[in-house]
């Protein structure tokens, strides 16, 4: 049976974001940040499939790009996230889990591409949030397209040779983009 995945792409604009209560009936977020040392487990899929859900699993992944200022210079915190409470599974095979993990890995690959683009714009002297946001939006769309292509080419993970090829391709790309993995900021007083 084909698998289904949910891809949420988002970025936040610079400025204040009003605090608000969570709407009634909305699922609370339990977010897992992508980590090279952690692989998804079935117990990470805590959600229930919706009425229109098809397939054996749905991985809710997203890329968040949050801007902030440092001495009037625009910077971004870019992360790939997996939402445990919105991700669900009906089946639990190792190949299905590997397929869902790769959706998360693709999100991390594009988070790295966004970090790279941000550094390129910064080196060009760009300090206009609209320019950054346009470039980020373009890469988010590219990420969505790649993710859809992955499902099409692998038939949602059912074609094992295609799945293995995609797995190798994404692994190699993550290695090539290693210098753009998320770094921890240390704030000194």
N, C-alpha and C. Protein backbone atom coordinates (compact mmCIF):
# COMPACT_ATOMS: atom_id res chain seq x y z
N UNK A 1 0.85 -1.18 0.00
CA UNK A 1 0.00 0.00 0.00
C UNK A 1 0.89 1.24 0.00
N UNK A 2 0.57 2.28 -0.77
CA UNK A 2 1.42 3.46 -0.82
C UNK A 2 1.43 4.22 0.51
N UNK A 3 2.52 4.93 0.72
CA UNK A 3 2.66 5.72 1.92
C UNK A 3 2.30 7.17 1.62
N UNK A 4 2.00 7.90 2.63
CA UNK A 4 1.63 9.30 2.48
C UNK A 4 2.47 10.13 3.42
N UNK A 5 2.87 11.28 3.00
CA UNK A 5 3.66 12.14 3.85
C UNK A 5 3.16 13.56 3.76
N UNK A 6 3.29 14.26 4.83
CA UNK A 6 2.85 15.64 4.92
C UNK A 6 4.10 16.49 4.98
N UNK A 7 4.19 17.50 4.12
CA UNK A 7 5.34 18.39 4.14
C UNK A 7 4.84 19.79 4.42
N UNK A 8 5.29 20.34 5.52
CA UNK A 8 4.95 21.71 5.87
C UNK A 8 6.19 22.56 5.69
N UNK A 9 6.12 23.55 4.84
CA UNK A 9 7.23 24.44 4.63
C UNK A 9 6.85 25.80 5.19
N UNK A 10 7.71 26.34 6.01
CA UNK A 10 7.35 27.62 6.58
C UNK A 10 8.58 28.45 6.86
N UNK A 11 8.38 29.73 6.84
CA UNK A 11 9.40 30.61 7.36
C UNK A 11 8.70 31.80 7.97
N UNK A 12 9.38 32.41 8.90
CA UNK A 12 8.78 33.52 9.63
C UNK A 12 9.38 34.82 9.14
N UNK A 13 8.58 35.86 9.10
CA UNK A 13 9.09 37.15 8.68
C UNK A 13 9.66 37.88 9.90
N UNK A 14 10.52 38.84 9.61
CA UNK A 14 11.14 39.62 10.66
C UNK A 14 10.08 40.55 11.24
N UNK A 15 10.04 40.66 12.51
CA UNK A 15 9.06 41.51 13.16
C UNK A 15 8.43 40.78 14.32
N UNK A 16 7.47 41.44 14.93
CA UNK A 16 6.85 40.82 16.09
C UNK A 16 5.79 39.82 15.66
N UNK A 17 5.70 38.77 16.39
CA UNK A 17 4.69 37.75 16.15
C UNK A 17 3.80 37.72 17.38
N UNK A 18 2.51 38.02 17.20
CA UNK A 18 1.64 38.07 18.37
C UNK A 18 1.47 36.70 19.01
N UNK A 19 1.44 36.69 20.31
CA UNK A 19 1.16 35.44 21.03
C UNK A 19 -0.32 35.16 20.91
N UNK A 20 -0.67 33.90 20.76
CA UNK A 20 -2.08 33.54 20.66
C UNK A 20 -2.31 32.17 21.24
N UNK A 21 -3.53 31.96 21.64
CA UNK A 21 -3.91 30.66 22.19
C UNK A 21 -4.04 29.66 21.06
N UNK A 22 -3.79 28.42 21.35
CA UNK A 22 -3.93 27.36 20.36
C UNK A 22 -5.41 27.14 20.09
N UNK A 23 -5.80 27.13 18.79
CA UNK A 23 -7.22 26.92 18.47
C UNK A 23 -7.72 25.58 19.01
N UNK A 24 -8.98 25.57 19.39
CA UNK A 24 -9.59 24.33 19.91
C UNK A 24 -9.52 23.25 18.85
N UNK A 25 -9.16 22.06 19.27
CA UNK A 25 -9.10 20.93 18.36
C UNK A 25 -7.80 20.81 17.58
N UNK A 26 -6.92 21.80 17.65
CA UNK A 26 -5.66 21.73 16.92
C UNK A 26 -4.66 20.87 17.71
N UNK A 27 -3.89 20.10 16.98
CA UNK A 27 -2.93 19.19 17.60
C UNK A 27 -1.71 19.98 18.08
N UNK A 28 -1.34 19.76 19.34
CA UNK A 28 -0.17 20.41 19.91
C UNK A 28 1.08 19.88 19.22
N UNK A 29 2.06 20.75 19.04
CA UNK A 29 3.28 20.34 18.37
C UNK A 29 4.24 19.68 19.35
N UNK A 30 4.82 18.58 18.93
CA UNK A 30 5.89 17.89 19.64
C UNK A 30 6.96 17.72 18.57
N UNK A 31 7.89 18.68 18.52
CA UNK A 31 8.82 18.76 17.41
C UNK A 31 10.16 18.12 17.74
N UNK A 32 10.66 17.39 16.76
CA UNK A 32 11.97 16.76 16.85
C UNK A 32 12.84 17.43 15.80
N UNK A 33 13.93 18.05 16.23
CA UNK A 33 14.86 18.67 15.29
C UNK A 33 15.73 17.59 14.66
N UNK A 34 16.00 17.73 13.36
CA UNK A 34 16.82 16.76 12.65
C UNK A 34 18.19 16.66 13.33
N UNK A 35 18.67 15.44 13.46
CA UNK A 35 19.94 15.18 14.13
C UNK A 35 20.60 14.01 13.42
N UNK A 36 21.84 14.18 13.03
CA UNK A 36 22.53 13.12 12.28
C UNK A 36 22.69 11.83 13.08
N UNK A 37 22.58 11.91 14.39
CA UNK A 37 22.78 10.74 15.25
C UNK A 37 21.47 10.06 15.66
N UNK A 38 20.35 10.62 15.24
CA UNK A 38 19.07 10.04 15.63
C UNK A 38 18.28 9.66 14.39
N UNK A 39 17.78 8.45 14.34
CA UNK A 39 16.93 7.98 13.27
C UNK A 39 15.52 7.81 13.84
N UNK A 40 14.54 8.16 13.05
CA UNK A 40 13.15 8.04 13.49
C UNK A 40 12.85 6.62 13.93
N UNK A 41 11.98 6.52 14.92
CA UNK A 41 11.49 5.23 15.42
C UNK A 41 9.97 5.26 15.31
N UNK A 42 9.35 4.11 15.32
CA UNK A 42 7.89 4.08 15.21
C UNK A 42 7.22 4.80 16.37
N UNK A 43 7.84 4.83 17.52
CA UNK A 43 7.21 5.54 18.64
C UNK A 43 7.23 7.05 18.47
N UNK A 44 7.91 7.56 17.43
CA UNK A 44 7.87 8.99 17.12
C UNK A 44 6.60 9.37 16.36
N UNK A 45 5.87 8.40 15.85
CA UNK A 45 4.66 8.64 15.08
C UNK A 45 3.47 8.56 16.03
N UNK A 46 3.16 9.66 16.68
CA UNK A 46 2.14 9.68 17.73
C UNK A 46 0.75 10.09 17.23
N UNK A 47 0.66 10.64 16.03
CA UNK A 47 -0.60 11.15 15.53
C UNK A 47 -1.52 10.07 15.00
N UNK A 48 -2.71 10.49 14.68
CA UNK A 48 -3.72 9.61 14.08
C UNK A 48 -3.96 10.11 12.66
N UNK A 49 -4.14 9.18 11.72
CA UNK A 49 -4.42 9.62 10.35
C UNK A 49 -5.77 10.33 10.28
N UNK A 50 -5.84 11.36 9.47
CA UNK A 50 -7.09 12.06 9.27
C UNK A 50 -8.05 11.24 8.42
N UNK A 51 -9.26 11.73 8.30
CA UNK A 51 -10.29 11.02 7.54
C UNK A 51 -9.88 10.80 6.09
N UNK A 52 -9.16 11.75 5.51
CA UNK A 52 -8.77 11.64 4.11
C UNK A 52 -7.36 11.06 3.93
N UNK A 53 -6.75 10.58 5.00
CA UNK A 53 -5.39 10.03 4.93
C UNK A 53 -5.39 8.71 4.16
N UNK A 54 -4.43 8.60 3.27
CA UNK A 54 -4.26 7.37 2.50
C UNK A 54 -2.88 6.80 2.83
N UNK A 55 -2.71 5.54 2.61
CA UNK A 55 -1.40 4.93 2.77
C UNK A 55 -1.15 4.40 4.16
N UNK A 56 0.11 4.02 4.37
CA UNK A 56 0.51 3.36 5.60
C UNK A 56 1.13 4.29 6.63
N UNK A 57 1.60 5.46 6.20
CA UNK A 57 2.25 6.38 7.13
C UNK A 57 2.23 7.79 6.59
N UNK A 58 2.33 8.73 7.48
CA UNK A 58 2.44 10.13 7.12
C UNK A 58 3.44 10.81 8.04
N UNK A 59 4.51 11.34 7.46
CA UNK A 59 5.53 12.04 8.24
C UNK A 59 5.33 13.54 8.06
N UNK A 60 5.05 14.23 9.14
CA UNK A 60 4.88 15.69 9.09
C UNK A 60 6.23 16.33 9.36
N UNK A 61 6.86 16.79 8.29
CA UNK A 61 8.15 17.45 8.39
C UNK A 61 8.02 18.89 7.91
N UNK A 62 8.88 19.74 8.41
CA UNK A 62 8.86 21.13 7.99
C UNK A 62 10.24 21.73 8.12
N UNK A 63 10.44 22.81 7.39
CA UNK A 63 11.66 23.60 7.49
C UNK A 63 11.23 24.96 8.00
N UNK A 64 11.84 25.39 9.09
CA UNK A 64 11.55 26.72 9.62
C UNK A 64 12.79 27.59 9.45
N UNK A 65 12.57 28.79 8.95
CA UNK A 65 13.62 29.79 8.80
C UNK A 65 13.17 31.02 9.56
N UNK A 66 13.78 31.25 10.71
CA UNK A 66 13.37 32.34 11.59
C UNK A 66 14.45 33.43 11.59
N UNK A 67 14.08 34.63 11.15
CA UNK A 67 15.07 35.72 11.12
C UNK A 67 15.26 36.36 12.50
N UNK A 68 16.44 36.91 12.69
CA UNK A 68 16.72 37.71 13.88
C UNK A 68 17.80 38.72 13.51
N UNK A 69 17.95 39.74 14.32
CA UNK A 69 18.93 40.79 14.06
C UNK A 69 20.08 40.71 15.04
N UNK A 70 21.28 40.94 14.52
CA UNK A 70 22.48 41.10 15.34
C UNK A 70 23.15 42.36 14.85
N UNK A 71 23.11 43.39 15.68
CA UNK A 71 23.69 44.70 15.32
C UNK A 71 23.21 45.16 13.94
N UNK A 72 21.91 45.13 13.73
CA UNK A 72 21.23 45.56 12.50
C UNK A 72 21.54 44.68 11.29
N UNK A 73 22.14 43.52 11.52
CA UNK A 73 22.42 42.58 10.44
C UNK A 73 21.42 41.44 10.53
N UNK A 74 20.79 41.11 9.39
CA UNK A 74 19.80 40.04 9.35
C UNK A 74 20.51 38.69 9.37
N UNK A 75 20.02 37.82 10.24
CA UNK A 75 20.50 36.44 10.31
C UNK A 75 19.27 35.54 10.42
N UNK A 76 19.48 34.27 10.16
CA UNK A 76 18.38 33.31 10.21
C UNK A 76 18.79 32.08 11.00
N UNK A 77 17.82 31.55 11.72
CA UNK A 77 17.95 30.24 12.35
C UNK A 77 17.10 29.31 11.48
N UNK A 78 17.74 28.34 10.84
CA UNK A 78 17.05 27.45 9.91
C UNK A 78 17.13 26.02 10.46
N UNK A 79 15.97 25.39 10.61
CA UNK A 79 15.93 24.03 11.16
C UNK A 79 14.92 23.16 10.42
N UNK A 80 15.26 21.88 10.33
CA UNK A 80 14.34 20.87 9.79
C UNK A 80 13.71 20.17 10.99
N UNK A 81 12.40 20.06 10.97
CA UNK A 81 11.66 19.51 12.11
C UNK A 81 10.72 18.38 11.69
N UNK A 82 10.51 17.46 12.62
CA UNK A 82 9.56 16.37 12.48
C UNK A 82 8.53 16.55 13.59
N UNK A 83 7.26 16.62 13.23
CA UNK A 83 6.21 16.81 14.22
C UNK A 83 5.65 15.44 14.62
N UNK A 84 5.98 15.02 15.83
CA UNK A 84 5.56 13.70 16.30
C UNK A 84 4.04 13.57 16.39
N UNK A 85 3.37 14.62 16.86
CA UNK A 85 1.93 14.53 17.08
C UNK A 85 1.12 14.60 15.79
N UNK A 86 1.71 15.05 14.71
CA UNK A 86 1.00 15.08 13.43
C UNK A 86 1.45 13.96 12.49
N UNK A 87 2.46 13.20 12.89
CA UNK A 87 2.95 12.07 12.09
C UNK A 87 2.26 10.80 12.57
N UNK A 88 1.91 9.93 11.64
CA UNK A 88 1.14 8.74 11.99
C UNK A 88 1.60 7.55 11.17
N UNK A 89 1.23 6.36 11.64
CA UNK A 89 1.56 5.14 10.92
C UNK A 89 0.48 4.09 11.17
N UNK A 90 0.15 3.39 10.10
CA UNK A 90 -0.75 2.24 10.20
C UNK A 90 0.06 0.95 10.10
N UNK A 91 1.08 0.98 9.25
CA UNK A 91 1.97 -0.17 9.08
C UNK A 91 3.31 0.15 9.74
N UNK A 92 4.09 -0.89 10.01
CA UNK A 92 5.36 -0.63 10.69
C UNK A 92 6.47 -1.55 10.18
N UNK A 93 6.81 -1.44 8.93
CA UNK A 93 7.91 -2.23 8.39
C UNK A 93 9.19 -1.40 8.40
N UNK A 94 10.35 -2.06 8.42
CA UNK A 94 11.62 -1.32 8.36
C UNK A 94 11.74 -0.49 7.07
N UNK A 95 11.26 -1.01 5.95
CA UNK A 95 11.37 -0.25 4.70
C UNK A 95 10.48 0.98 4.72
N UNK A 96 9.32 0.89 5.33
CA UNK A 96 8.43 2.04 5.46
C UNK A 96 9.06 3.11 6.36
N UNK A 97 9.66 2.69 7.44
CA UNK A 97 10.33 3.63 8.34
C UNK A 97 11.50 4.32 7.63
N UNK A 98 12.26 3.56 6.85
CA UNK A 98 13.38 4.14 6.10
C UNK A 98 12.87 5.17 5.09
N UNK A 99 11.73 4.88 4.47
CA UNK A 99 11.14 5.83 3.53
C UNK A 99 10.76 7.13 4.24
N UNK A 100 10.10 7.01 5.37
CA UNK A 100 9.69 8.20 6.12
C UNK A 100 10.91 8.97 6.64
N UNK A 101 11.96 8.26 7.08
CA UNK A 101 13.19 8.92 7.52
C UNK A 101 13.77 9.77 6.39
N UNK A 102 13.73 9.24 5.18
CA UNK A 102 14.31 9.98 4.06
C UNK A 102 13.54 11.26 3.77
N UNK A 103 12.25 11.29 4.03
CA UNK A 103 11.52 12.55 3.91
C UNK A 103 12.12 13.58 4.87
N UNK A 104 12.43 13.15 6.08
CA UNK A 104 13.04 14.03 7.08
C UNK A 104 14.46 14.44 6.63
N UNK A 105 15.21 13.51 6.06
CA UNK A 105 16.55 13.81 5.57
C UNK A 105 16.52 14.82 4.42
N UNK A 106 15.52 14.71 3.55
CA UNK A 106 15.38 15.67 2.45
C UNK A 106 15.11 17.06 3.02
N UNK A 107 14.30 17.14 4.07
CA UNK A 107 14.06 18.44 4.71
C UNK A 107 15.37 19.02 5.23
N UNK A 108 16.20 18.19 5.85
CA UNK A 108 17.50 18.67 6.35
C UNK A 108 18.40 19.11 5.19
N UNK A 109 18.39 18.38 4.10
CA UNK A 109 19.19 18.76 2.93
C UNK A 109 18.81 20.16 2.46
N UNK A 110 17.52 20.43 2.39
CA UNK A 110 17.08 21.75 1.93
C UNK A 110 17.29 22.82 3.00
N UNK A 111 17.26 22.45 4.26
CA UNK A 111 17.62 23.42 5.30
C UNK A 111 19.08 23.84 5.10
N UNK A 112 19.93 22.90 4.76
CA UNK A 112 21.34 23.22 4.49
C UNK A 112 21.48 24.10 3.25
N UNK A 113 20.69 23.82 2.22
CA UNK A 113 20.73 24.66 1.02
C UNK A 113 20.29 26.08 1.34
N UNK A 114 19.31 26.22 2.22
CA UNK A 114 18.86 27.55 2.63
C UNK A 114 19.96 28.26 3.41
N UNK A 115 20.61 27.55 4.34
CA UNK A 115 21.72 28.16 5.09
C UNK A 115 22.82 28.62 4.15
N UNK A 116 23.12 27.81 3.14
CA UNK A 116 24.15 28.16 2.16
C UNK A 116 23.74 29.44 1.42
N UNK A 117 22.51 29.50 0.97
CA UNK A 117 22.02 30.68 0.23
C UNK A 117 22.07 31.93 1.10
N UNK A 118 21.71 31.78 2.36
CA UNK A 118 21.76 32.92 3.28
C UNK A 118 23.19 33.44 3.40
N UNK A 119 24.15 32.53 3.53
CA UNK A 119 25.56 32.94 3.61
C UNK A 119 26.03 33.61 2.32
N UNK A 120 25.57 33.11 1.18
CA UNK A 120 25.93 33.72 -0.10
C UNK A 120 25.39 35.14 -0.18
N UNK A 121 24.14 35.33 0.20
CA UNK A 121 23.54 36.67 0.18
C UNK A 121 24.27 37.61 1.14
N UNK A 122 24.60 37.08 2.30
CA UNK A 122 25.33 37.88 3.28
C UNK A 122 26.69 38.31 2.72
N UNK A 123 27.40 37.39 2.05
CA UNK A 123 28.72 37.73 1.49
C UNK A 123 28.61 38.74 0.35
N UNK A 124 27.43 38.82 -0.28
CA UNK A 124 27.17 39.82 -1.31
C UNK A 124 26.76 41.16 -0.71
N UNK A 125 26.66 41.22 0.61
CA UNK A 125 26.30 42.46 1.29
C UNK A 125 24.80 42.72 1.37
N UNK A 126 23.99 41.73 1.08
CA UNK A 126 22.54 41.89 1.12
C UNK A 126 22.09 41.98 2.58
N UNK A 127 21.27 42.99 2.87
CA UNK A 127 20.72 43.12 4.22
C UNK A 127 19.24 43.52 4.14
N UNK A 128 18.56 42.97 3.13
CA UNK A 128 17.15 43.25 2.90
C UNK A 128 16.35 41.98 3.13
N UNK A 129 15.48 42.00 4.13
CA UNK A 129 14.73 40.80 4.50
C UNK A 129 13.88 40.26 3.35
N UNK A 130 13.37 41.12 2.50
CA UNK A 130 12.55 40.67 1.37
C UNK A 130 13.38 39.83 0.40
N UNK A 131 14.63 40.21 0.19
CA UNK A 131 15.51 39.44 -0.70
C UNK A 131 15.78 38.06 -0.10
N UNK A 132 16.07 38.03 1.19
CA UNK A 132 16.31 36.74 1.87
C UNK A 132 15.04 35.87 1.80
N UNK A 133 13.91 36.46 2.12
CA UNK A 133 12.66 35.68 2.15
C UNK A 133 12.31 35.13 0.77
N UNK A 134 12.55 35.91 -0.29
CA UNK A 134 12.27 35.43 -1.64
C UNK A 134 13.17 34.24 -1.98
N UNK A 135 14.44 34.33 -1.62
CA UNK A 135 15.37 33.22 -1.89
C UNK A 135 14.99 31.98 -1.08
N UNK A 136 14.60 32.19 0.17
CA UNK A 136 14.18 31.08 1.02
C UNK A 136 12.92 30.44 0.47
N UNK A 137 11.96 31.24 0.06
CA UNK A 137 10.70 30.71 -0.49
C UNK A 137 10.96 29.87 -1.73
N UNK A 138 11.88 30.31 -2.58
CA UNK A 138 12.23 29.56 -3.78
C UNK A 138 12.80 28.18 -3.42
N UNK A 139 13.67 28.13 -2.43
CA UNK A 139 14.24 26.86 -2.00
C UNK A 139 13.22 25.98 -1.29
N UNK A 140 12.29 26.58 -0.57
CA UNK A 140 11.22 25.79 0.06
C UNK A 140 10.36 25.13 -1.00
N UNK A 141 10.08 25.85 -2.07
CA UNK A 141 9.30 25.26 -3.17
C UNK A 141 10.09 24.14 -3.84
N UNK A 142 11.40 24.37 -4.02
CA UNK A 142 12.26 23.33 -4.61
C UNK A 142 12.28 22.08 -3.72
N UNK A 143 12.29 22.29 -2.42
CA UNK A 143 12.25 21.17 -1.47
C UNK A 143 10.95 20.39 -1.61
N UNK A 144 9.85 21.10 -1.71
CA UNK A 144 8.55 20.44 -1.88
C UNK A 144 8.52 19.64 -3.17
N UNK A 145 9.05 20.22 -4.25
CA UNK A 145 9.09 19.53 -5.54
C UNK A 145 9.96 18.27 -5.46
N UNK A 146 11.12 18.37 -4.80
CA UNK A 146 12.02 17.21 -4.66
C UNK A 146 11.34 16.11 -3.85
N UNK A 147 10.64 16.51 -2.81
CA UNK A 147 9.96 15.55 -1.95
C UNK A 147 8.86 14.80 -2.72
N UNK A 148 8.12 15.52 -3.53
CA UNK A 148 7.08 14.90 -4.35
C UNK A 148 7.70 13.98 -5.40
N UNK A 149 8.81 14.42 -5.99
CA UNK A 149 9.50 13.60 -6.98
C UNK A 149 10.01 12.30 -6.35
N UNK A 150 10.48 12.39 -5.12
CA UNK A 150 10.94 11.22 -4.37
C UNK A 150 9.80 10.19 -4.24
N UNK A 151 8.63 10.65 -3.84
CA UNK A 151 7.49 9.73 -3.71
C UNK A 151 7.08 9.14 -5.05
N UNK A 152 7.10 9.95 -6.10
CA UNK A 152 6.72 9.47 -7.44
C UNK A 152 7.71 8.41 -7.92
N UNK A 153 9.01 8.73 -7.84
CA UNK A 153 10.03 7.82 -8.37
C UNK A 153 10.14 6.52 -7.58
N UNK A 154 9.86 6.57 -6.29
CA UNK A 154 9.98 5.36 -5.46
C UNK A 154 8.64 4.67 -5.27
N UNK A 155 7.60 5.24 -5.85
CA UNK A 155 6.23 4.76 -5.64
C UNK A 155 5.98 4.66 -4.13
N UNK A 156 6.27 5.77 -3.46
CA UNK A 156 6.11 5.90 -2.01
C UNK A 156 6.91 4.83 -1.25
N UNK A 157 8.08 4.50 -1.78
CA UNK A 157 8.96 3.55 -1.11
C UNK A 157 8.78 2.11 -1.54
N UNK A 158 7.79 1.83 -2.38
CA UNK A 158 7.51 0.45 -2.78
C UNK A 158 8.54 -0.11 -3.75
N UNK A 159 9.23 0.76 -4.50
CA UNK A 159 10.26 0.30 -5.45
C UNK A 159 11.61 0.35 -4.74
N UNK A 160 12.05 -0.80 -4.25
CA UNK A 160 13.23 -0.85 -3.37
C UNK A 160 14.51 -0.34 -4.04
N UNK A 161 14.70 -0.63 -5.34
CA UNK A 161 15.92 -0.14 -6.02
C UNK A 161 15.91 1.38 -6.13
N UNK A 162 14.77 1.93 -6.45
CA UNK A 162 14.65 3.40 -6.54
C UNK A 162 14.81 4.03 -5.14
N UNK A 163 14.25 3.35 -4.13
CA UNK A 163 14.38 3.83 -2.75
C UNK A 163 15.86 3.86 -2.36
N UNK A 164 16.59 2.80 -2.69
CA UNK A 164 18.02 2.74 -2.36
C UNK A 164 18.80 3.83 -3.10
N UNK A 165 18.44 4.08 -4.36
CA UNK A 165 19.11 5.13 -5.13
C UNK A 165 18.88 6.50 -4.51
N UNK A 166 17.64 6.77 -4.13
CA UNK A 166 17.33 8.04 -3.48
C UNK A 166 18.06 8.17 -2.15
N UNK A 167 18.10 7.10 -1.40
CA UNK A 167 18.77 7.11 -0.11
C UNK A 167 20.25 7.47 -0.28
N UNK A 168 20.89 6.86 -1.26
CA UNK A 168 22.31 7.14 -1.52
C UNK A 168 22.50 8.58 -2.00
N UNK A 169 21.61 9.03 -2.88
CA UNK A 169 21.68 10.39 -3.42
C UNK A 169 21.56 11.43 -2.29
N UNK A 170 20.60 11.24 -1.41
CA UNK A 170 20.40 12.20 -0.32
C UNK A 170 21.56 12.14 0.68
N UNK A 171 22.03 10.94 0.98
CA UNK A 171 23.18 10.78 1.89
C UNK A 171 24.41 11.50 1.33
N UNK A 172 24.69 11.31 0.04
CA UNK A 172 25.83 11.98 -0.60
C UNK A 172 25.66 13.50 -0.58
N UNK A 173 24.45 13.96 -0.85
CA UNK A 173 24.18 15.40 -0.86
C UNK A 173 24.36 16.00 0.54
N UNK A 174 23.89 15.29 1.56
CA UNK A 174 24.08 15.78 2.94
C UNK A 174 25.56 15.86 3.28
N UNK A 175 26.33 14.90 2.83
CA UNK A 175 27.78 14.91 3.07
C UNK A 175 28.43 16.09 2.35
N UNK A 176 28.05 16.32 1.10
CA UNK A 176 28.61 17.46 0.35
C UNK A 176 28.23 18.80 0.99
N UNK A 177 27.08 18.84 1.64
CA UNK A 177 26.60 20.09 2.26
C UNK A 177 26.93 20.13 3.76
N UNK A 178 27.83 19.29 4.21
CA UNK A 178 28.18 19.17 5.62
C UNK A 178 28.52 20.51 6.27
N UNK A 179 29.21 21.37 5.54
CA UNK A 179 29.62 22.65 6.15
C UNK A 179 28.43 23.56 6.46
N UNK A 180 27.26 23.21 5.95
CA UNK A 180 26.07 24.03 6.19
C UNK A 180 25.10 23.39 7.19
N UNK A 181 25.58 22.36 7.90
CA UNK A 181 24.72 21.80 8.94
C UNK A 181 24.57 22.82 10.06
N UNK A 182 23.53 22.67 10.83
CA UNK A 182 23.23 23.63 11.90
C UNK A 182 24.33 23.59 12.95
N UNK A 183 24.74 24.77 13.33
CA UNK A 183 25.72 24.89 14.40
C UNK A 183 25.03 25.50 15.61
N UNK A 184 25.50 25.14 16.74
CA UNK A 184 24.95 25.69 17.98
C UNK A 184 25.63 27.02 18.27
N UNK A 185 24.80 27.99 18.58
CA UNK A 185 25.33 29.31 18.94
C UNK A 185 25.57 29.34 20.45
N UNK A 186 26.71 29.86 20.83
CA UNK A 186 27.02 30.05 22.24
C UNK A 186 26.91 31.53 22.54
N UNK A 187 26.07 31.86 23.47
CA UNK A 187 25.87 33.28 23.82
C UNK A 187 26.69 33.54 25.07
N UNK A 188 27.61 34.47 24.92
CA UNK A 188 28.47 34.83 26.05
C UNK A 188 27.99 36.13 26.66
N UNK A 189 28.19 36.24 27.95
CA UNK A 189 27.78 37.47 28.64
C UNK A 189 28.93 38.41 28.78
